[in-house]
């Protein structure tokens, strides 16, 4: 089925990013779906008027998400974004190499979502035109729905426990609002923690790459130092040979052929000496690259330490929110117990009123 859809779908936009999925067990941590950056593309199925986001890693699809008008792509950091897919029962996350790529993907997601909304509205209009009987029955259905939304008011029974009951109900409403607020705070804390974990994963990957590059650069420096020492020894040897040749040249009594040969030898040795000096300068200039790699590695380690401290802070905030939620639940349980006691008192009062009514009816009948 996937291959059939791919044949009739047309790509709209493509980008490369690291793909993550939410952990189905905890719903808080990110799980990497690809070891490296992969191609993530928007596709349009003209036959079904459906837009999808597809990414293939190896021989399997790591993203196969159909875009609906109620989806939202959220940028949680400068290089990371996510969206929820209720059909796939998961949350997808994308880590880009630059902020510009993230912005382009977000704008394309917004445009495709709007196109999906227009396509759905057109299909609904065609369905309504093909079924005119549904429009005739619409007023009655809306009237029934309005009656269901606005049920008749309940009759209140006056009694001494009414005020306590209303107070308990208001307390229960306040506890419900507080519970929703705590849930929202917990979800925001979990979302921040997921973003921090994704950025932490990216920084760890960058730190590992910097470590490998630093090791390679260190090995290169050792090789360059060895080559530099060899070149310096060879340069000294060549200079000694030049000095010996100049000493052997002596007075101009020697033949002109011998002088020409010595001059050519001296020129060749000087050319070789200048080449070696140029190579030495190049090796010395490469030493600065190692210093830059060291600095980048130190910056990455510092950012990693900052993220770990922020993660600890978030864990503390989540723990505090959980304690607040537990106390709210205890207060709600106490409020429910008070409401139950009030209901029991009302039942007793209603029974007393019923007995009094029967007694009055008996007196009237007599």
Protein backbone atom coordinates (compact mmCIF):
# COMPACT_ATOMS: atom_id res chain seq x y z
CA UNK A 1 0.00 0.00 0.00
CA UNK A 2 2.84 2.39 0.81
CA UNK A 3 4.52 1.76 -2.55
CA UNK A 4 1.24 2.29 -4.44
CA UNK A 5 0.69 5.67 -2.79
CA UNK A 6 4.27 6.73 -3.45
CA UNK A 7 3.83 6.07 -7.18
CA UNK A 8 0.97 8.53 -7.56
CA UNK A 9 2.23 11.13 -5.06
CA UNK A 10 4.30 14.14 -6.06
CA UNK A 11 7.02 15.66 -3.80
CA UNK A 12 6.49 19.30 -2.83
CA UNK A 13 9.33 20.16 -0.45
CA UNK A 14 12.30 18.28 1.04
CA UNK A 15 14.75 18.96 3.86
CA UNK A 16 17.36 17.02 5.82
CA UNK A 17 16.99 16.61 9.58
CA UNK A 18 17.51 14.24 12.50
CA UNK A 19 14.23 12.40 13.20
CA UNK A 20 12.98 11.64 16.74
CA UNK A 21 9.84 9.95 18.12
CA UNK A 22 8.32 10.23 21.57
CA UNK A 23 8.91 7.27 23.87
CA UNK A 24 5.57 5.35 23.94
CA UNK A 25 6.27 4.11 27.48
CA UNK A 26 7.03 7.40 29.25
CA UNK A 27 5.57 9.96 26.77
CA UNK A 28 8.37 12.27 27.95
CA UNK A 29 11.67 11.21 26.38
CA UNK A 30 12.76 11.43 22.75
CA UNK A 31 13.96 8.31 20.93
CA UNK A 32 16.18 8.83 17.83
CA UNK A 33 14.55 7.24 14.76
CA UNK A 34 17.63 7.74 12.57
CA UNK A 35 21.35 7.57 13.30
CA UNK A 36 22.12 10.37 10.85
CA UNK A 37 20.26 13.20 9.16
CA UNK A 38 17.72 11.88 6.61
CA UNK A 39 15.52 13.44 3.94
CA UNK A 40 12.06 14.54 5.14
CA UNK A 41 9.62 15.37 2.30
CA UNK A 42 6.10 16.71 1.82
CA UNK A 43 4.05 14.65 -0.70
CA UNK A 44 0.69 15.34 -2.34
CA UNK A 45 -1.66 12.53 -3.43
CA UNK A 46 -3.79 14.07 -6.19
CA UNK A 47 -6.10 11.04 -6.37
CA UNK A 48 -7.20 11.32 -2.74
CA UNK A 49 -6.36 15.05 -2.20
CA UNK A 50 -4.16 14.10 0.77
CA UNK A 51 -0.92 15.69 1.98
CA UNK A 52 1.65 13.58 3.83
CA UNK A 53 5.10 13.89 5.42
CA UNK A 54 7.29 10.92 4.51
CA UNK A 55 10.85 10.00 5.46
CA UNK A 56 12.52 6.70 4.58
CA UNK A 57 15.51 5.33 6.46
CA UNK A 58 17.04 2.34 4.71
CA UNK A 59 14.16 0.04 3.71
CA UNK A 60 11.48 1.27 6.11
CA UNK A 61 9.48 4.46 6.54
CA UNK A 62 10.39 6.23 9.78
CA UNK A 63 7.79 8.99 9.14
CA UNK A 64 4.44 8.42 7.42
CA UNK A 65 2.18 11.19 8.74
CA UNK A 66 -1.00 12.40 7.03
CA UNK A 67 -1.46 16.16 7.54
CA UNK A 68 -4.84 17.29 8.88
CA UNK A 69 -6.13 20.86 9.44
CA UNK A 70 -5.99 20.50 13.23
CA UNK A 71 -2.26 19.66 13.31
CA UNK A 72 0.25 22.24 14.57
CA UNK A 73 4.01 22.36 14.03
CA UNK A 74 5.67 23.87 17.11
CA UNK A 75 9.20 25.30 17.16
CA UNK A 76 10.49 24.39 20.62
CA UNK A 77 14.02 25.73 20.12
CA UNK A 78 16.12 27.48 17.48
CA UNK A 79 16.79 24.24 15.56
CA UNK A 80 14.11 21.80 16.80
CA UNK A 81 10.41 21.44 16.00
CA UNK A 82 7.66 18.87 16.60
CA UNK A 83 4.07 17.91 15.75
CA UNK A 84 1.59 15.33 17.09
CA UNK A 85 -0.06 12.69 14.88
CA UNK A 86 -3.15 11.25 16.56
CA UNK A 87 -3.61 8.61 13.86
CA UNK A 88 -0.13 7.22 14.41
CA UNK A 89 -0.48 7.81 18.19
CA UNK A 90 2.95 9.46 18.42
CA UNK A 91 4.79 12.78 18.40
CA UNK A 92 7.47 13.42 15.76
CA UNK A 93 10.48 15.68 16.37
CA UNK A 94 12.93 17.10 13.82
CA UNK A 95 16.37 18.53 14.57
CA UNK A 96 17.80 20.78 11.84
CA UNK A 97 21.36 21.96 11.35
CA UNK A 98 20.37 25.64 10.95
CA UNK A 99 17.57 27.90 12.14
CA UNK A 100 16.77 28.86 8.52
CA UNK A 101 15.98 25.25 7.60
CA UNK A 102 13.62 24.98 10.58
CA UNK A 103 11.85 28.20 9.53
CA UNK A 104 11.43 26.96 5.94
CA UNK A 105 9.98 23.65 7.13
CA UNK A 106 7.57 25.42 9.52
CA UNK A 107 6.32 27.74 6.75
CA UNK A 108 5.84 24.79 4.38
CA UNK A 109 3.94 22.89 7.10
CA UNK A 110 1.63 25.89 7.57
CA UNK A 111 0.96 26.16 3.82
CA UNK A 112 0.27 22.43 3.46
CA UNK A 113 -2.06 22.47 6.48
CA UNK A 114 -4.04 25.33 4.91
CA UNK A 115 -4.21 23.41 1.62
CA UNK A 116 -5.47 20.34 3.49
CA UNK A 117 -8.16 22.47 5.15
CA UNK A 118 -9.33 23.85 1.78
CA UNK A 119 -9.36 20.34 0.31
CA UNK A 120 -11.51 19.08 3.19
CA UNK A 121 -13.95 22.01 2.83
CA UNK A 122 -14.30 21.34 -0.90
CA UNK A 123 -14.99 17.66 -0.28
CA UNK A 124 -17.64 18.56 2.33
CA UNK A 125 -19.30 20.99 -0.12
CA UNK A 126 -19.40 18.30 -2.80
CA UNK A 127 -20.89 15.86 -0.28
CA UNK A 128 -23.59 18.36 0.78
CA UNK A 129 -24.47 19.11 -2.85
CA UNK A 130 -24.74 15.40 -3.57
CA UNK A 131 -26.99 14.86 -0.47
CA UNK A 132 -29.48 17.79 -0.28
CA UNK A 133 -31.68 15.92 2.20
CA UNK A 134 -29.06 16.47 4.90
CA UNK A 135 -29.49 20.27 4.63
CA UNK A 136 -33.27 19.97 5.13
CA UNK A 137 -32.93 18.02 8.34
CA UNK A 138 -30.26 20.33 9.69
CA UNK A 139 -32.55 22.75 11.63
CA UNK A 140 -34.24 19.95 13.56
CA UNK A 141 -30.88 18.42 14.35
CA UNK A 142 -29.47 21.74 15.54
CA UNK A 143 -32.57 22.25 17.70
CA UNK A 144 -32.10 18.83 19.28
CA UNK A 145 -28.44 19.56 19.84
CA UNK A 146 -29.26 22.90 21.45
CA UNK A 147 -31.68 21.16 23.78
CA UNK A 148 -29.01 18.66 24.68
CA UNK A 149 -26.47 21.43 25.30
CA UNK A 150 -28.92 23.36 27.53
CA UNK A 151 -30.73 20.85 29.77
CA UNK A 152 -33.58 22.01 32.00
CA UNK A 153 -32.51 23.47 35.33
CA UNK A 154 -32.55 21.28 38.40
CA UNK A 155 -34.94 22.01 41.27
CA UNK A 156 -33.27 22.95 44.53
CA UNK A 157 -34.50 21.85 47.93
CA UNK A 158 -34.15 24.40 50.70
CA UNK A 159 -32.61 23.10 53.87
CA UNK A 160 -29.98 23.80 56.45
CA UNK A 161 -27.30 21.87 54.54
CA UNK A 162 -27.77 23.78 51.21
CA UNK A 163 -25.17 26.45 51.89
CA UNK A 164 -22.59 23.84 52.91
CA UNK A 165 -23.32 21.86 49.76
CA UNK A 166 -22.80 24.91 47.54
CA UNK A 167 -19.54 25.69 49.33
CA UNK A 168 -18.36 22.12 48.77
CA UNK A 169 -19.31 22.29 45.09
CA UNK A 170 -17.40 25.56 44.63
CA UNK A 171 -14.42 24.02 46.42
CA UNK A 172 -14.62 21.04 44.08
CA UNK A 173 -14.68 23.38 41.05
CA UNK A 174 -11.66 25.24 42.40
CA UNK A 175 -9.85 21.94 42.94
CA UNK A 176 -10.66 20.90 39.38
CA UNK A 177 -9.25 24.19 38.04
CA UNK A 178 -6.15 23.77 40.20
CA UNK A 179 -5.76 20.20 38.95
CA UNK A 180 -5.94 21.36 35.31
CA UNK A 181 -3.38 24.06 36.03
CA UNK A 182 -1.01 21.54 37.61
CA UNK A 183 -1.50 19.18 34.67
CA UNK A 184 -0.69 22.03 32.27
CA UNK A 185 2.40 22.92 34.26
CA UNK A 186 3.48 19.26 34.27
CA UNK A 187 2.97 19.00 30.50
CA UNK A 188 4.95 22.21 29.93
CA UNK A 189 7.71 20.90 32.18
CA UNK A 190 7.73 17.58 30.32
CA UNK A 191 7.84 19.37 26.96
CA UNK A 192 10.76 21.53 28.12
CA UNK A 193 12.51 18.45 29.43
CA UNK A 194 12.01 16.67 26.07
CA UNK A 195 13.44 19.65 24.22
CA UNK A 196 16.39 19.80 26.59
CA UNK A 197 17.01 16.07 26.12
CA UNK A 198 16.91 16.47 22.32
CA UNK A 199 19.36 19.38 22.48
CA UNK A 200 21.48 17.39 24.96
CA UNK A 201 21.56 14.50 22.50
CA UNK A 202 22.63 16.87 19.70
CA UNK A 203 25.35 18.40 21.89
CA UNK A 204 26.62 14.96 22.90
CA UNK A 205 26.80 13.99 19.23
CA UNK A 206 28.66 17.23 18.43
CA UNK A 207 30.97 16.68 21.40
CA UNK A 208 31.76 13.15 20.19
CA UNK A 209 32.50 14.46 16.70
CA UNK A 210 34.70 17.22 18.14
CA UNK A 211 36.54 14.63 20.26
CA UNK A 212 37.21 12.47 17.21
CA UNK A 213 38.35 15.51 15.22
CA UNK A 214 40.58 16.56 18.12
CA UNK A 215 42.14 13.10 18.31
CA UNK A 216 42.76 13.13 14.56
CA UNK A 217 44.20 16.64 14.82
CA UNK A 218 46.43 15.57 17.73
CA UNK A 219 47.72 12.63 15.70
CA UNK A 220 48.24 14.98 12.76
CA UNK A 221 50.19 17.39 14.98
CA UNK A 222 52.47 14.57 16.11
CA UNK A 223 53.06 13.58 12.51
CA UNK A 224 53.68 17.20 11.57
CA UNK A 225 56.16 17.58 14.43
CA UNK A 226 58.01 14.46 13.31
CA UNK A 227 58.08 15.70 9.72
CA UNK A 228 59.18 19.15 10.93
CA UNK A 229 62.10 17.63 12.86
CA UNK A 230 63.09 15.56 9.83
CA UNK A 231 62.87 18.59 7.56
CA UNK A 232 64.95 20.66 9.98
CA UNK A 233 67.64 17.95 10.13
CA UNK A 234 67.63 17.68 6.36
CA UNK A 235 67.84 21.47 6.06
CA UNK A 236 70.88 21.58 8.36
CA UNK A 237 72.47 18.78 6.35
CA UNK A 238 71.83 20.65 3.10
CA UNK A 239 73.29 23.82 4.52
CA UNK A 240 76.41 21.92 5.61
CA UNK A 241 76.66 20.51 2.09
CA UNK A 242 76.35 24.02 0.64
CA UNK A 243 79.08 25.25 2.99
CA UNK A 244 81.33 22.33 2.02
CA UNK A 245 80.75 22.99 -1.68
CA UNK A 246 81.51 26.67 -1.25
CA UNK A 247 84.72 25.72 0.58
CA UNK A 248 85.65 23.26 -2.15
CA UNK A 249 84.97 25.90 -4.80
CA UNK A 250 87.91 27.89 -3.42
CA UNK A 251 89.84 30.24 -5.76
CA UNK A 252 88.82 30.64 -9.38
CA UNK A 253 91.86 28.58 -10.52
CA UNK A 254 89.64 25.58 -10.98
CA UNK A 255 88.27 24.85 -14.41
CA UNK A 256 85.14 26.60 -15.69
CA UNK A 257 83.25 23.29 -16.11
CA UNK A 258 83.76 22.41 -12.46
CA UNK A 259 82.58 25.90 -11.39
CA UNK A 260 79.44 25.65 -13.50
CA UNK A 261 78.61 22.24 -12.06
CA UNK A 262 79.10 23.48 -8.52
CA UNK A 263 76.94 26.54 -9.22
CA UNK A 264 74.12 24.34 -10.50
CA UNK A 265 74.42 22.11 -7.44
CA UNK A 266 74.26 25.13 -5.17
CA UNK A 267 71.15 26.45 -6.96
CA UNK A 268 69.41 23.07 -6.71
CA UNK A 269 70.24 22.85 -3.03
CA UNK A 270 68.94 26.39 -2.43
CA UNK A 271 65.69 25.60 -4.28
CA UNK A 272 65.24 22.42 -2.22
CA UNK A 273 66.02 24.39 0.94
CA UNK A 274 63.34 27.04 0.11
CA UNK A 275 60.80 24.27 -0.54
CA UNK A 276 61.52 22.74 2.84
CA UNK A 277 61.20 26.15 4.52
CA UNK A 278 57.78 26.64 2.86
CA UNK A 279 56.61 23.22 4.10
CA UNK A 280 57.78 24.09 7.61
CA UNK A 281 55.76 27.34 7.50
CA UNK A 282 52.66 25.43 6.35
CA UNK A 283 52.99 22.93 9.20
CA UNK A 284 53.38 25.70 11.74
CA UNK A 285 50.24 27.46 10.43
CA UNK A 286 48.22 24.26 10.88
CA UNK A 287 48.88 24.33 14.62
CA UNK A 288 46.23 27.04 15.01
CA UNK A 289 43.48 24.63 13.82
CA UNK A 290 44.12 22.40 16.84
CA UNK A 291 43.67 25.36 19.17
CA UNK A 292 40.33 26.22 17.56
CA UNK A 293 39.13 22.61 17.96
CA UNK A 294 40.15 22.71 21.62
CA UNK A 295 38.15 25.91 22.12
CA UNK A 296 35.04 24.46 20.40
CA UNK A 297 35.28 21.35 22.55
CA UNK A 298 35.49 23.45 25.74
CA UNK A 299 32.43 25.47 24.62
CA UNK A 300 30.48 22.27 23.93
CA UNK A 301 31.39 20.86 27.37
CA UNK A 302 30.28 24.11 29.03
CA UNK A 303 26.92 24.01 27.20
CA UNK A 304 26.53 20.37 28.19
CA UNK A 305 27.07 21.26 31.86
CA UNK A 306 24.53 24.09 31.59
CA UNK A 307 21.96 21.74 30.07
CA UNK A 308 22.52 19.18 32.82
CA UNK A 309 21.96 21.82 35.49
CA UNK A 310 18.78 22.99 33.72
CA UNK A 311 17.61 19.38 33.53
CA UNK A 312 18.08 19.02 37.30
CA UNK A 313 16.09 22.22 37.83
CA UNK A 314 13.27 20.89 35.66
CA UNK A 315 13.21 17.60 37.58
CA UNK A 316 12.92 19.56 40.83
CA UNK A 317 10.03 21.61 39.42
CA UNK A 318 8.25 18.47 38.21
CA UNK A 319 8.66 16.87 41.65
CA UNK A 320 7.21 19.98 43.30
CA UNK A 321 4.29 19.96 40.87
CA UNK A 322 3.62 16.28 41.63
CA UNK A 323 3.57 17.03 45.36
CA UNK A 324 1.13 19.90 44.74
CA UNK A 325 -1.08 17.59 42.67
CA UNK A 326 -1.08 14.97 45.43
CA UNK A 327 -2.12 17.55 48.02
CA UNK A 328 -4.85 18.79 45.67
CA UNK A 329 -6.17 15.26 45.31
CA UNK A 330 -6.28 14.87 49.09
CA UNK A 331 -8.25 18.12 49.40
CA UNK A 332 -10.61 16.95 46.67
CA UNK A 333 -11.18 13.67 48.54
CA UNK A 334 -12.01 15.58 51.72
CA UNK A 335 -14.38 17.83 49.77
CA UNK A 336 -16.13 14.81 48.29
CA UNK A 337 -16.53 13.34 51.77
CA UNK A 338 -18.14 16.60 52.95
CA UNK A 339 -20.46 16.57 49.93
CA UNK A 340 -21.44 12.99 50.73
CA UNK A 341 -22.24 13.91 54.33
CA UNK A 342 -24.30 16.86 53.10
CA UNK A 343 -26.23 14.55 50.77
CA UNK A 344 -26.95 12.18 53.68
CA UNK A 345 -28.26 15.10 55.76
CA UNK A 346 -30.47 16.18 52.85
CA UNK A 347 -31.82 12.65 52.52
CA UNK A 348 -32.77 12.66 56.21
CA UNK A 349 -34.44 16.05 55.86
CA UNK A 350 -36.35 14.90 52.77
CA UNK A 351 -37.58 11.83 54.66
CA UNK A 352 -38.67 14.02 57.56
CA UNK A 353 -40.54 16.31 55.17
CA UNK A 354 -42.20 13.33 53.52
CA UNK A 355 -43.36 12.02 56.92
CA UNK A 356 -44.64 15.48 57.84
CA UNK A 357 -46.54 15.70 54.54
CA UNK A 358 -48.18 12.32 55.11
CA UNK A 359 -49.14 13.36 58.64
CA UNK A 360 -50.70 16.59 57.35
CA UNK A 361 -52.64 14.70 54.66
CA UNK A 362 -53.97 12.30 57.29
CA UNK A 363 -55.09 15.23 59.45
CA UNK A 364 -56.83 16.82 56.46
CA UNK A 365 -58.60 13.56 55.56
CA UNK A 366 -59.93 13.26 59.13
